[in-house]
Amino acid sequence: MKRKVLLGAILWTLLITLGHVQLNVGWARLADEMRILVGGERQELVVGFLPVT
Protein backbone atom coordinates (compact mmCIF):
# COMPACT_ATOMS: atom_id res chain seq x y z
CA MET A 1 0.00 0.00 0.00
CA LYS A 2 2.80 2.44 0.90
CA ARG A 3 4.56 1.69 -2.35
CA LYS A 4 1.38 2.40 -4.31
CA VAL A 5 0.90 5.76 -2.58
CA LEU A 6 4.55 6.71 -3.11
CA LEU A 7 4.39 5.75 -6.80
CA GLY A 8 1.17 7.73 -7.20
CA ALA A 9 2.70 10.81 -5.54
CA ILE A 10 5.81 10.62 -7.74
CA LEU A 11 3.69 10.18 -10.88
CA TRP A 12 1.41 13.08 -9.90
CA THR A 13 4.39 15.38 -9.23
CA LEU A 14 5.94 14.45 -12.57
CA LEU A 15 2.65 15.06 -14.39
CA ILE A 16 2.18 18.48 -12.78
CA THR A 17 5.79 19.45 -13.54
CA LEU A 18 5.51 18.43 -17.20
CA GLY A 19 2.21 20.30 -17.54
CA HIS A 20 3.73 23.43 -16.02
CA VAL A 21 6.70 23.35 -18.39
CA GLN A 22 4.43 22.79 -21.40
CA LEU A 23 1.97 25.57 -20.58
CA ASN A 24 4.06 28.21 -18.81
CA VAL A 25 7.75 27.85 -19.61
CA GLY A 26 8.17 26.13 -22.95
CA TRP A 27 10.56 23.35 -23.84
CA ALA A 28 13.01 25.55 -25.78
CA ARG A 29 13.45 27.94 -22.87
CA LEU A 30 13.86 25.03 -20.44
CA ALA A 31 16.58 23.56 -22.67
CA ASP A 32 18.35 26.94 -22.81
CA GLU A 33 18.17 27.34 -19.03
CA MET A 34 19.52 23.81 -18.48
CA ARG A 35 22.40 24.46 -20.91
CA ILE A 36 23.29 27.61 -18.99
CA LEU A 37 22.88 25.84 -15.65
CA VAL A 38 25.31 23.03 -16.49
CA GLY A 39 27.85 25.49 -17.87
CA GLY A 40 27.58 24.74 -21.56
CA GLU A 41 27.26 28.39 -22.46
CA ARG A 42 27.01 31.75 -20.77
CA GLN A 43 23.78 33.62 -20.31
CA GLU A 44 23.38 36.74 -22.40
CA LEU A 45 23.19 39.89 -20.32
CA VAL A 46 20.63 42.37 -21.62
CA VAL A 47 21.18 45.94 -20.47
CA GLY A 48 18.48 48.53 -20.96
CA PHE A 49 19.27 52.01 -22.20
CA LEU A 50 17.33 55.12 -21.27
CA PRO A 51 18.54 58.25 -23.04
CA VAL A 52 18.81 61.33 -20.83
CA THR A 53 18.07 64.67 -22.44
C-alpha atoms as a PDB file:
ATOM      1  CA  MET A   1       0.000   0.000   0.000  1.00  0.00           C
ATOM      2  CA  LYS A   2       2.796   2.440   0.898  1.00  0.00           C
ATOM      3  CA  ARG A   3       4.565   1.686  -2.352  1.00  0.00           C
ATOM      4  CA  LYS A   4       1.384   2.398  -4.307  1.00  0.00           C
ATOM      5  CA  VAL A   5       0.901   5.762  -2.575  1.00  0.00           C
ATOM      6  CA  LEU A   6       4.551   6.706  -3.115  1.00  0.00           C
ATOM      7  CA  LEU A   7       4.389   5.748  -6.797  1.00  0.00           C
ATOM      8  CA  GLY A   8       1.167   7.728  -7.197  1.00  0.00           C
ATOM      9  CA  ALA A   9       2.698  10.807  -5.541  1.00  0.00           C
ATOM     10  CA  ILE A  10       5.808  10.621  -7.739  1.00  0.00           C
ATOM     11  CA  LEU A  11       3.693  10.176 -10.877  1.00  0.00           C
ATOM     12  CA  TRP A  12       1.405  13.080  -9.897  1.00  0.00           C
ATOM     13  CA  THR A  13       4.387  15.376  -9.232  1.00  0.00           C
ATOM     14  CA  LEU A  14       5.943  14.448 -12.571  1.00  0.00           C
ATOM     15  CA  LEU A  15       2.652  15.059 -14.388  1.00  0.00           C
ATOM     16  CA  ILE A  16       2.175  18.482 -12.780  1.00  0.00           C
ATOM     17  CA  THR A  17       5.787  19.450 -13.545  1.00  0.00           C
ATOM     18  CA  LEU A  18       5.506  18.433 -17.203  1.00  0.00           C
ATOM     19  CA  GLY A  19       2.213  20.303 -17.544  1.00  0.00           C
ATOM     20  CA  HIS A  20       3.733  23.429 -16.020  1.00  0.00           C
ATOM     21  CA  VAL A  21       6.699  23.346 -18.392  1.00  0.00           C
ATOM     22  CA  GLN A  22       4.434  22.787 -21.401  1.00  0.00           C
ATOM     23  CA  LEU A  23       1.970  25.566 -20.576  1.00  0.00           C
ATOM     24  CA  ASN A  24       4.058  28.209 -18.808  1.00  0.00           C
ATOM     25  CA  VAL A  25       7.748  27.848 -19.609  1.00  0.00           C
ATOM     26  CA  GLY A  26       8.170  26.126 -22.951  1.00  0.00           C
ATOM     27  CA  TRP A  27      10.564  23.352 -23.843  1.00  0.00           C
ATOM     28  CA  ALA A  28      13.010  25.553 -25.777  1.00  0.00           C
ATOM     29  CA  ARG A  29      13.446  27.939 -22.866  1.00  0.00           C
ATOM     30  CA  LEU A  30      13.858  25.033 -20.440  1.00  0.00           C
ATOM     31  CA  ALA A  31      16.579  23.558 -22.670  1.00  0.00           C
ATOM     32  CA  ASP A  32      18.350  26.940 -22.811  1.00  0.00           C
ATOM     33  CA  GLU A  33      18.166  27.336 -19.031  1.00  0.00           C
ATOM     34  CA  MET A  34      19.515  23.815 -18.481  1.00  0.00           C
ATOM     35  CA  ARG A  35      22.400  24.457 -20.911  1.00  0.00           C
ATOM     36  CA  ILE A  36      23.291  27.612 -18.992  1.00  0.00           C
ATOM     37  CA  LEU A  37      22.884  25.840 -15.650  1.00  0.00           C
ATOM     38  CA  VAL A  38      25.306  23.025 -16.485  1.00  0.00           C
ATOM     39  CA  GLY A  39      27.847  25.493 -17.865  1.00  0.00           C
ATOM     40  CA  GLY A  40      27.584  24.737 -21.560  1.00  0.00           C
ATOM     41  CA  GLU A  41      27.258  28.387 -22.459  1.00  0.00           C
ATOM     42  CA  ARG A  42      27.008  31.751 -20.772  1.00  0.00           C
ATOM     43  CA  GLN A  43      23.780  33.616 -20.305  1.00  0.00           C
ATOM     44  CA  GLU A  44      23.383  36.742 -22.395  1.00  0.00           C
ATOM     45  CA  LEU A  45      23.193  39.895 -20.323  1.00  0.00           C
ATOM     46  CA  VAL A  46      20.630  42.366 -21.617  1.00  0.00           C
ATOM     47  CA  VAL A  47      21.183  45.939 -20.472  1.00  0.00           C
ATOM     48  CA  GLY A  48      18.477  48.530 -20.958  1.00  0.00           C
ATOM     49  CA  PHE A  49      19.270  52.012 -22.196  1.00  0.00           C
ATOM     50  CA  LEU A  50      17.329  55.124 -21.274  1.00  0.00           C
ATOM     51  CA  PRO A  51      18.544  58.254 -23.035  1.00  0.00           C
ATOM     52  CA  VAL A  52      18.809  61.330 -20.828  1.00  0.00           C
ATOM     53  CA  THR A  53      18.073  64.671 -22.437  1.00  0.00           C
END
